[in-house]
N, C-alpha and C. Protein backbone atom coordinates (compact mmCIF):
# COMPACT_ATOMS: atom_id res chain seq x y z
N MET A 1 63.30 27.79 24.17
CA MET A 1 63.39 29.08 24.75
C MET A 1 62.59 29.16 26.13
N HIS A 2 61.38 28.81 25.95
CA HIS A 2 60.39 28.84 27.10
C HIS A 2 60.23 27.60 27.76
N THR A 3 61.08 26.66 27.45
CA THR A 3 60.98 25.20 28.01
C THR A 3 60.92 25.17 29.48
N LYS A 4 61.87 25.91 30.12
CA LYS A 4 61.94 25.89 31.59
C LYS A 4 60.70 26.39 32.20
N LYS A 5 60.04 27.36 31.61
CA LYS A 5 58.77 27.92 32.22
C LYS A 5 57.57 27.03 32.03
N LEU A 6 57.63 26.01 31.11
CA LEU A 6 56.54 25.07 30.81
C LEU A 6 56.78 23.91 31.75
N ILE A 7 57.79 23.64 32.30
CA ILE A 7 57.92 22.43 33.10
C ILE A 7 57.08 22.42 34.36
N ALA A 8 57.02 23.49 35.10
CA ALA A 8 56.21 23.34 36.36
C ALA A 8 54.67 23.22 36.19
N PRO A 9 54.11 24.12 35.15
CA PRO A 9 52.71 23.85 34.93
C PRO A 9 52.36 22.41 34.44
N ILE A 10 53.17 21.90 33.57
CA ILE A 10 52.99 20.48 33.01
C ILE A 10 53.05 19.40 34.25
N ILE A 11 54.03 19.55 35.14
CA ILE A 11 54.24 18.66 36.14
C ILE A 11 53.03 18.80 37.05
N ILE A 12 52.59 19.96 37.54
CA ILE A 12 51.51 20.11 38.27
C ILE A 12 50.10 19.59 37.77
N ALA A 13 49.85 19.69 36.58
CA ALA A 13 48.76 19.19 35.77
C ALA A 13 48.80 17.66 35.74
N VAL A 14 49.87 17.14 35.42
CA VAL A 14 50.16 15.64 35.48
C VAL A 14 49.85 15.02 36.79
N LEU A 15 50.42 15.69 37.89
CA LEU A 15 50.30 15.19 39.26
C LEU A 15 48.73 15.28 39.69
N PHE A 16 48.13 16.40 39.26
CA PHE A 16 46.77 16.56 39.59
C PHE A 16 45.84 15.58 38.90
N ILE A 17 46.08 15.27 37.64
CA ILE A 17 45.34 14.27 36.81
C ILE A 17 45.53 12.88 37.46
N LEU A 18 46.85 12.56 37.72
CA LEU A 18 47.12 11.31 38.46
C LEU A 18 46.32 11.24 39.72
N TYR A 19 46.29 12.22 40.46
CA TYR A 19 45.49 12.20 41.68
C TYR A 19 44.06 11.97 41.54
N LEU A 20 43.44 12.69 40.51
CA LEU A 20 42.16 12.48 40.11
C LEU A 20 41.87 11.06 39.64
N THR A 21 42.69 10.57 38.90
CA THR A 21 42.67 9.08 38.47
C THR A 21 42.54 8.16 39.72
N GLY A 22 43.51 8.39 40.68
CA GLY A 22 43.40 7.51 41.82
C GLY A 22 42.02 7.66 42.57
N LEU A 23 41.61 8.88 42.74
CA LEU A 23 40.18 9.06 43.30
C LEU A 23 39.15 8.47 42.53
N LEU A 24 39.31 8.36 41.08
CA LEU A 24 38.28 7.67 40.36
C LEU A 24 38.31 6.32 40.53
N VAL A 25 39.52 5.68 40.64
CA VAL A 25 39.48 4.30 41.03
C VAL A 25 38.96 3.81 42.33
N LEU A 26 39.32 4.67 43.38
CA LEU A 26 38.80 4.41 44.65
C LEU A 26 37.32 4.63 44.67
N TRP A 27 36.80 5.70 43.97
CA TRP A 27 35.31 6.09 44.03
C TRP A 27 34.55 4.86 43.37
N THR A 28 35.01 4.24 42.29
CA THR A 28 34.24 3.26 41.62
C THR A 28 34.26 2.08 42.45
N ASN A 29 35.30 1.76 43.37
CA ASN A 29 35.35 0.60 44.03
C ASN A 29 34.53 0.54 45.40
N PHE A 30 33.87 1.63 45.76
CA PHE A 30 33.01 1.80 47.01
C PHE A 30 31.72 1.20 46.59
N TYR A 31 31.05 0.56 47.54
CA TYR A 31 29.73 0.15 47.53
C TYR A 31 28.77 1.35 47.45
N LEU A 32 28.37 1.87 46.47
CA LEU A 32 27.52 2.98 46.34
C LEU A 32 26.44 2.74 45.39
N PRO A 33 25.24 3.34 45.45
CA PRO A 33 24.35 3.27 44.33
C PRO A 33 25.01 3.70 43.05
N LEU A 34 24.38 3.06 41.93
CA LEU A 34 25.00 3.43 40.56
C LEU A 34 24.89 4.88 40.35
N PHE A 35 23.79 5.67 40.69
CA PHE A 35 23.72 7.02 40.40
C PHE A 35 24.77 7.82 41.03
N ALA A 36 25.05 7.50 42.36
CA ALA A 36 26.19 8.21 43.01
C ALA A 36 27.54 7.96 42.47
N LYS A 37 27.77 6.75 41.72
CA LYS A 37 29.06 6.46 41.26
C LYS A 37 29.15 7.33 39.91
N ILE A 38 28.12 7.45 39.26
CA ILE A 38 28.02 8.03 37.91
C ILE A 38 28.22 9.53 38.21
N VAL A 39 27.67 10.15 39.12
CA VAL A 39 27.86 11.56 39.54
C VAL A 39 29.24 11.86 39.92
N GLY A 40 29.80 10.94 40.81
CA GLY A 40 31.14 11.13 41.25
C GLY A 40 32.18 11.06 39.99
N VAL A 41 31.96 10.21 39.08
CA VAL A 41 32.81 10.04 38.06
C VAL A 41 32.70 11.07 37.01
N LEU A 42 31.51 11.73 36.87
CA LEU A 42 31.42 12.92 36.04
C LEU A 42 32.07 14.05 36.71
N ILE A 43 31.88 14.15 37.95
CA ILE A 43 32.64 15.27 38.52
C ILE A 43 34.11 15.33 38.37
N LEU A 44 34.73 14.03 38.64
CA LEU A 44 36.19 13.79 38.53
C LEU A 44 36.65 14.04 37.12
N VAL A 45 35.92 13.50 36.03
CA VAL A 45 36.21 13.73 34.66
C VAL A 45 36.25 15.24 34.45
N ALA A 46 35.17 15.92 34.77
CA ALA A 46 35.08 17.32 34.57
C ALA A 46 36.21 18.17 35.07
N LEU A 47 36.58 17.71 36.26
CA LEU A 47 37.78 18.36 36.77
C LEU A 47 39.05 18.19 36.07
N ALA A 48 39.19 16.91 35.72
CA ALA A 48 40.41 16.47 34.77
C ALA A 48 40.40 17.40 33.42
N ALA A 49 39.16 17.55 32.85
CA ALA A 49 39.05 18.24 31.66
C ALA A 49 39.35 19.72 31.82
N VAL A 50 38.90 20.26 32.90
CA VAL A 50 39.16 21.72 33.19
C VAL A 50 40.65 21.88 33.43
N MET A 51 41.27 20.95 34.06
CA MET A 51 42.83 21.05 34.28
C MET A 51 43.54 21.00 33.00
N ILE A 52 43.07 20.21 32.06
CA ILE A 52 43.70 20.06 30.83
C ILE A 52 43.59 21.50 30.02
N PHE A 53 42.31 21.97 30.12
CA PHE A 53 41.99 23.20 29.50
C PHE A 53 42.98 24.35 30.01
N VAL A 54 42.99 24.43 31.32
CA VAL A 54 43.83 25.49 31.94
C VAL A 54 45.37 25.32 31.46
N LEU A 55 45.81 24.12 31.56
CA LEU A 55 47.17 23.81 31.08
C LEU A 55 47.33 24.25 29.68
N VAL A 56 46.55 24.05 28.74
CA VAL A 56 46.68 24.43 27.42
C VAL A 56 46.68 26.04 27.23
N GLU A 57 45.81 26.71 27.98
CA GLU A 57 45.80 28.06 28.04
C GLU A 57 47.13 28.65 28.57
N ARG A 58 47.59 27.98 29.64
CA ARG A 58 48.85 28.58 30.25
C ARG A 58 50.08 28.21 29.30
N ILE A 59 50.13 27.23 28.59
CA ILE A 59 51.16 26.98 27.62
C ILE A 59 50.94 27.96 26.50
N GLN A 60 49.85 28.32 26.07
CA GLN A 60 49.71 29.43 25.05
C GLN A 60 50.25 30.72 25.56
N GLU A 61 49.90 31.10 26.74
CA GLU A 61 50.26 32.31 27.47
C GLU A 61 51.81 32.39 27.54
N ILE A 62 52.41 31.30 27.82
CA ILE A 62 53.94 31.29 27.98
C ILE A 62 54.48 31.46 26.58
N ARG A 63 54.01 30.80 25.73
CA ARG A 63 54.49 30.87 24.32
C ARG A 63 54.34 32.13 23.70
N SER A 64 53.26 32.90 24.03
CA SER A 64 53.13 34.26 23.45
C SER A 64 53.84 35.24 24.06
N GLY A 65 54.51 34.93 25.38
CA GLY A 65 55.34 35.92 25.96
C GLY A 65 54.57 36.51 27.15
N GLU A 66 53.36 36.29 27.25
CA GLU A 66 52.49 36.88 28.32
C GLU A 66 52.57 36.00 29.61
N GLU A 67 53.62 36.35 30.37
CA GLU A 67 53.99 35.32 31.45
C GLU A 67 53.26 35.83 32.78
N ASP A 68 52.81 36.96 32.80
CA ASP A 68 52.24 37.62 34.21
C ASP A 68 50.80 37.81 33.92
N ASP A 69 49.82 37.03 34.46
CA ASP A 69 48.47 37.25 34.19
C ASP A 69 47.95 38.51 34.91
N LEU A 70 48.57 38.85 36.02
CA LEU A 70 48.13 40.03 36.76
C LEU A 70 48.40 41.30 36.01
N SER A 71 49.13 41.38 34.96
CA SER A 71 49.34 42.51 34.22
C SER A 71 48.16 43.08 33.43
N LYS A 72 47.17 42.12 33.32
CA LYS A 72 45.88 42.54 32.64
C LYS A 72 45.10 43.43 33.53
N TYR A 73 45.29 43.29 34.76
CA TYR A 73 44.20 43.99 35.67
C TYR A 73 44.77 45.10 36.29
């Protein structure tokens, strides 16, 4: 029923996570101090986690029938 509305958020989330994964691979291949690599990896992993969290929230909103977030304001 809501399958068509779920496609776009899922595709965007997957593309964003693939982009972050590519950045992660590139970041770890640079000659940088270990601390800089760890900070960079933590930032990219945090961004991926936030994207997954936002995707799960969006899926729940679509399934509950609340399609327009602006209606809350």
